[in-house]
Amino acid sequence: FCYYPGKLHGGIQAFYLDQVLTDCCPGAVTASLAISYLQPIDPQSSLKVSAWPVKVEGRKLYMEACIKVLENSTGTMIKATHAKALVIMPNA
């Protein structure tokens, strides 16, 4: 899943983010997704993908998510990718 040797493809990162954004809301769909690629990700890195709500307006959920990678030299997780999304909940 590398476009350049040693770099995880941005589309794969987008897939991970979209998946975690909608996992929190069964049946929800992503209406928009804006991604900031902050640094390259080595495909062999340990990743932490997380998402959280920012605002709720009826069926609209404004969410954010990020991918963090393990920084081997310090042992800390650092943000490599950040996303903002609008997720729509299904009709009841």
N, C-alpha and C. Protein backbone atom coordinates (compact mmCIF):
# COMPACT_ATOMS: atom_id res chain seq x y z
N PHE A 1 0.80 -1.19 0.00
CA PHE A 1 0.00 0.00 0.00
C PHE A 1 0.85 1.26 0.00
N CYS A 2 1.97 1.17 -0.70
CA CYS A 2 2.89 2.30 -0.74
C CYS A 2 2.89 2.88 -2.15
N TYR A 3 2.80 4.20 -2.24
CA TYR A 3 2.93 4.87 -3.52
C TYR A 3 4.40 5.15 -3.78
N TYR A 4 5.07 5.62 -2.75
CA TYR A 4 6.52 5.79 -2.78
C TYR A 4 7.10 4.77 -1.81
N PRO A 5 8.28 4.23 -2.10
CA PRO A 5 8.86 3.26 -1.18
C PRO A 5 8.97 3.82 0.24
N GLY A 6 8.47 3.06 1.21
CA GLY A 6 8.56 3.47 2.61
C GLY A 6 7.54 4.50 3.05
N LYS A 7 6.55 4.82 2.22
CA LYS A 7 5.52 5.82 2.56
C LYS A 7 4.13 5.20 2.37
N LEU A 8 3.32 5.21 3.42
CA LEU A 8 1.97 4.69 3.33
C LEU A 8 1.12 5.61 2.44
N HIS A 9 0.43 5.04 1.47
CA HIS A 9 -0.37 5.79 0.51
C HIS A 9 -1.45 6.60 1.24
N GLY A 10 -1.65 7.85 0.81
CA GLY A 10 -2.64 8.73 1.41
C GLY A 10 -4.06 8.18 1.33
N GLY A 11 -4.36 7.43 0.28
CA GLY A 11 -5.68 6.82 0.15
C GLY A 11 -5.94 5.78 1.22
N ILE A 12 -4.91 5.06 1.61
CA ILE A 12 -5.04 4.08 2.69
C ILE A 12 -5.27 4.82 4.01
N GLN A 13 -4.56 5.93 4.20
CA GLN A 13 -4.77 6.73 5.41
C GLN A 13 -6.21 7.26 5.44
N ALA A 14 -6.71 7.71 4.30
CA ALA A 14 -8.09 8.21 4.22
C ALA A 14 -9.08 7.10 4.56
N PHE A 15 -8.80 5.88 4.07
CA PHE A 15 -9.66 4.74 4.39
C PHE A 15 -9.71 4.50 5.90
N TYR A 16 -8.55 4.47 6.54
CA TYR A 16 -8.49 4.26 8.00
C TYR A 16 -9.31 5.33 8.73
N LEU A 17 -9.12 6.58 8.34
CA LEU A 17 -9.83 7.68 9.00
C LEU A 17 -11.34 7.58 8.78
N ASP A 18 -11.76 7.34 7.55
CA ASP A 18 -13.18 7.22 7.25
C ASP A 18 -13.79 6.06 8.03
N GLN A 19 -13.08 4.97 8.12
CA GLN A 19 -13.59 3.80 8.84
C GLN A 19 -13.81 4.11 10.32
N VAL A 20 -12.83 4.73 10.96
CA VAL A 20 -12.96 5.02 12.39
C VAL A 20 -14.03 6.10 12.64
N LEU A 21 -14.19 7.03 11.71
CA LEU A 21 -15.20 8.08 11.85
C LEU A 21 -16.61 7.50 11.82
N THR A 22 -16.86 6.50 11.00
CA THR A 22 -18.21 5.93 10.89
C THR A 22 -18.41 4.73 11.80
N ASP A 23 -17.35 4.14 12.33
CA ASP A 23 -17.49 3.01 13.27
C ASP A 23 -18.26 3.42 14.52
N CYS A 24 -18.12 4.67 14.92
CA CYS A 24 -18.78 5.13 16.14
C CYS A 24 -20.28 5.30 15.96
N CYS A 25 -20.76 5.27 14.72
CA CYS A 25 -22.16 5.55 14.42
C CYS A 25 -22.67 4.53 13.40
N PRO A 26 -23.16 3.36 13.83
CA PRO A 26 -23.61 2.35 12.88
C PRO A 26 -24.65 2.91 11.90
N GLY A 27 -24.44 2.65 10.63
CA GLY A 27 -25.35 3.12 9.59
C GLY A 27 -25.05 4.51 9.08
N ALA A 28 -24.15 5.23 9.73
CA ALA A 28 -23.82 6.60 9.31
C ALA A 28 -22.99 6.59 8.03
N VAL A 29 -23.07 7.69 7.30
CA VAL A 29 -22.28 7.85 6.08
C VAL A 29 -21.49 9.15 6.15
N THR A 30 -20.35 9.16 5.49
CA THR A 30 -19.50 10.35 5.46
C THR A 30 -19.98 11.27 4.34
N ALA A 31 -20.34 12.50 4.69
CA ALA A 31 -20.77 13.49 3.69
C ALA A 31 -19.58 14.28 3.18
N SER A 32 -18.62 14.58 4.05
CA SER A 32 -17.41 15.27 3.62
C SER A 32 -16.25 14.86 4.52
N LEU A 33 -15.06 14.88 3.93
CA LEU A 33 -13.85 14.48 4.65
C LEU A 33 -12.70 15.33 4.15
N ALA A 34 -12.11 16.12 5.05
CA ALA A 34 -10.95 16.96 4.71
C ALA A 34 -9.76 16.45 5.51
N ILE A 35 -8.68 16.12 4.81
CA ILE A 35 -7.52 15.50 5.46
C ILE A 35 -6.29 16.39 5.31
N SER A 36 -5.56 16.53 6.40
CA SER A 36 -4.26 17.20 6.40
C SER A 36 -3.19 16.14 6.66
N TYR A 37 -2.30 15.98 5.69
CA TYR A 37 -1.19 15.04 5.82
C TYR A 37 -0.02 15.81 6.41
N LEU A 38 0.30 15.55 7.67
CA LEU A 38 1.28 16.33 8.40
C LEU A 38 2.70 15.81 8.23
N GLN A 39 2.83 14.49 8.08
CA GLN A 39 4.15 13.90 7.85
C GLN A 39 3.96 12.52 7.25
N PRO A 40 4.96 12.01 6.53
CA PRO A 40 4.85 10.68 5.93
C PRO A 40 4.74 9.61 7.01
N ILE A 41 4.07 8.51 6.65
CA ILE A 41 3.95 7.37 7.56
C ILE A 41 4.67 6.18 6.95
N ASP A 42 5.58 5.61 7.70
CA ASP A 42 6.25 4.37 7.30
C ASP A 42 5.23 3.24 7.44
N PRO A 43 5.04 2.41 6.40
CA PRO A 43 4.03 1.35 6.48
C PRO A 43 4.31 0.32 7.57
N GLN A 44 5.53 0.28 8.09
CA GLN A 44 5.86 -0.66 9.16
C GLN A 44 5.62 -0.07 10.55
N SER A 45 5.21 1.18 10.62
CA SER A 45 5.00 1.87 11.90
C SER A 45 3.80 1.31 12.65
N SER A 46 3.86 1.41 13.97
CA SER A 46 2.69 1.15 14.80
C SER A 46 1.81 2.39 14.73
N LEU A 47 0.50 2.18 14.49
CA LEU A 47 -0.43 3.29 14.33
C LEU A 47 -1.48 3.29 15.42
N LYS A 48 -1.97 4.49 15.73
CA LYS A 48 -3.15 4.65 16.57
C LYS A 48 -4.09 5.57 15.81
N VAL A 49 -5.29 5.07 15.50
CA VAL A 49 -6.28 5.86 14.76
C VAL A 49 -7.44 6.13 15.72
N SER A 50 -7.79 7.40 15.88
CA SER A 50 -8.87 7.74 16.81
C SER A 50 -9.76 8.83 16.22
N ALA A 51 -11.01 8.87 16.70
CA ALA A 51 -11.98 9.87 16.24
C ALA A 51 -12.79 10.36 17.44
N TRP A 52 -13.30 11.59 17.32
CA TRP A 52 -14.09 12.15 18.41
C TRP A 52 -15.08 13.15 17.83
N PRO A 53 -16.24 13.33 18.51
CA PRO A 53 -17.24 14.30 18.05
C PRO A 53 -16.83 15.72 18.44
N VAL A 54 -17.16 16.66 17.58
CA VAL A 54 -16.92 18.08 17.86
C VAL A 54 -18.24 18.79 18.12
N LYS A 55 -19.25 18.48 17.28
CA LYS A 55 -20.56 19.14 17.40
C LYS A 55 -21.62 18.23 16.80
N VAL A 56 -22.82 18.26 17.36
CA VAL A 56 -23.95 17.49 16.84
C VAL A 56 -25.09 18.45 16.56
N GLU A 57 -25.64 18.35 15.33
CA GLU A 57 -26.81 19.14 14.93
C GLU A 57 -27.81 18.19 14.30
N GLY A 58 -28.75 17.71 15.08
CA GLY A 58 -29.72 16.76 14.55
C GLY A 58 -29.02 15.48 14.11
N ARG A 59 -29.16 15.14 12.82
CA ARG A 59 -28.51 13.94 12.28
C ARG A 59 -27.09 14.21 11.83
N LYS A 60 -26.66 15.46 11.86
CA LYS A 60 -25.30 15.81 11.43
C LYS A 60 -24.33 15.71 12.60
N LEU A 61 -23.25 14.98 12.39
CA LEU A 61 -22.19 14.89 13.39
C LEU A 61 -20.92 15.48 12.79
N TYR A 62 -20.41 16.52 13.40
CA TYR A 62 -19.14 17.10 12.98
C TYR A 62 -18.07 16.40 13.81
N MET A 63 -17.16 15.73 13.12
CA MET A 63 -16.18 14.87 13.77
C MET A 63 -14.76 15.27 13.38
N GLU A 64 -13.82 14.85 14.19
CA GLU A 64 -12.40 14.95 13.85
C GLU A 64 -11.76 13.61 14.15
N ALA A 65 -10.66 13.36 13.46
CA ALA A 65 -9.93 12.10 13.65
C ALA A 65 -8.46 12.34 13.37
N CYS A 66 -7.63 11.43 13.84
CA CYS A 66 -6.21 11.54 13.54
C CYS A 66 -5.56 10.16 13.52
N ILE A 67 -4.43 10.12 12.85
CA ILE A 67 -3.56 8.95 12.88
C ILE A 67 -2.28 9.38 13.57
N LYS A 68 -1.91 8.64 14.59
CA LYS A 68 -0.65 8.89 15.28
C LYS A 68 0.29 7.71 15.02
N VAL A 69 1.57 8.02 14.93
CA VAL A 69 2.58 6.98 14.70
C VAL A 69 3.56 6.98 15.87
N LEU A 70 4.13 5.82 16.11
CA LEU A 70 5.11 5.69 17.17
C LEU A 70 6.44 6.26 16.71
N GLU A 71 6.93 7.24 17.44
CA GLU A 71 8.24 7.83 17.17
C GLU A 71 9.26 6.97 17.89
N ASN A 72 10.02 6.20 17.12
CA ASN A 72 10.93 5.22 17.71
C ASN A 72 11.99 5.84 18.60
N SER A 73 12.47 7.02 18.26
CA SER A 73 13.56 7.61 19.04
C SER A 73 13.10 8.06 20.43
N THR A 74 11.82 8.45 20.56
CA THR A 74 11.33 8.93 21.86
C THR A 74 10.32 7.99 22.51
N GLY A 75 9.75 7.09 21.71
CA GLY A 75 8.74 6.17 22.24
C GLY A 75 7.37 6.81 22.42
N THR A 76 7.17 8.02 21.89
CA THR A 76 5.88 8.69 22.01
C THR A 76 5.11 8.60 20.69
N MET A 77 3.81 8.78 20.79
CA MET A 77 2.96 8.80 19.60
C MET A 77 2.86 10.24 19.11
N ILE A 78 3.10 10.47 17.81
CA ILE A 78 3.00 11.81 17.24
C ILE A 78 1.97 11.81 16.11
N LYS A 79 1.27 12.95 15.96
CA LYS A 79 0.23 13.06 14.95
C LYS A 79 0.84 13.15 13.56
N ALA A 80 0.40 12.26 12.66
CA ALA A 80 0.88 12.26 11.28
C ALA A 80 -0.19 12.73 10.30
N THR A 81 -1.46 12.50 10.65
CA THR A 81 -2.57 12.85 9.77
C THR A 81 -3.73 13.33 10.62
N HIS A 82 -4.42 14.39 10.15
CA HIS A 82 -5.57 14.93 10.88
C HIS A 82 -6.71 15.11 9.90
N ALA A 83 -7.94 14.81 10.34
CA ALA A 83 -9.10 14.93 9.45
C ALA A 83 -10.26 15.61 10.16
N LYS A 84 -11.05 16.32 9.36
CA LYS A 84 -12.32 16.88 9.81
C LYS A 84 -13.38 16.31 8.89
N ALA A 85 -14.52 15.92 9.48
CA ALA A 85 -15.55 15.26 8.68
C ALA A 85 -16.94 15.67 9.12
N LEU A 86 -17.86 15.56 8.17
CA LEU A 86 -19.29 15.67 8.45
C LEU A 86 -19.87 14.29 8.21
N VAL A 87 -20.44 13.71 9.26
CA VAL A 87 -21.02 12.37 9.19
C VAL A 87 -22.53 12.52 9.39
N ILE A 88 -23.30 11.83 8.55
CA ILE A 88 -24.76 11.91 8.62
C ILE A 88 -25.32 10.60 9.17
N MET A 89 -26.13 10.73 10.22
CA MET A 89 -26.79 9.56 10.81
C MET A 89 -28.00 9.18 9.96
N PRO A 90 -28.34 7.89 9.93
CA PRO A 90 -29.51 7.47 9.16
C PRO A 90 -30.81 7.97 9.81
N ASN A 91 -31.87 8.02 9.01
CA ASN A 91 -33.19 8.36 9.56
C ASN A 91 -33.61 7.28 10.54
N ALA A 92 -34.31 7.68 11.57
CA ALA A 92 -34.75 6.72 12.60
C ALA A 92 -35.82 5.80 12.08
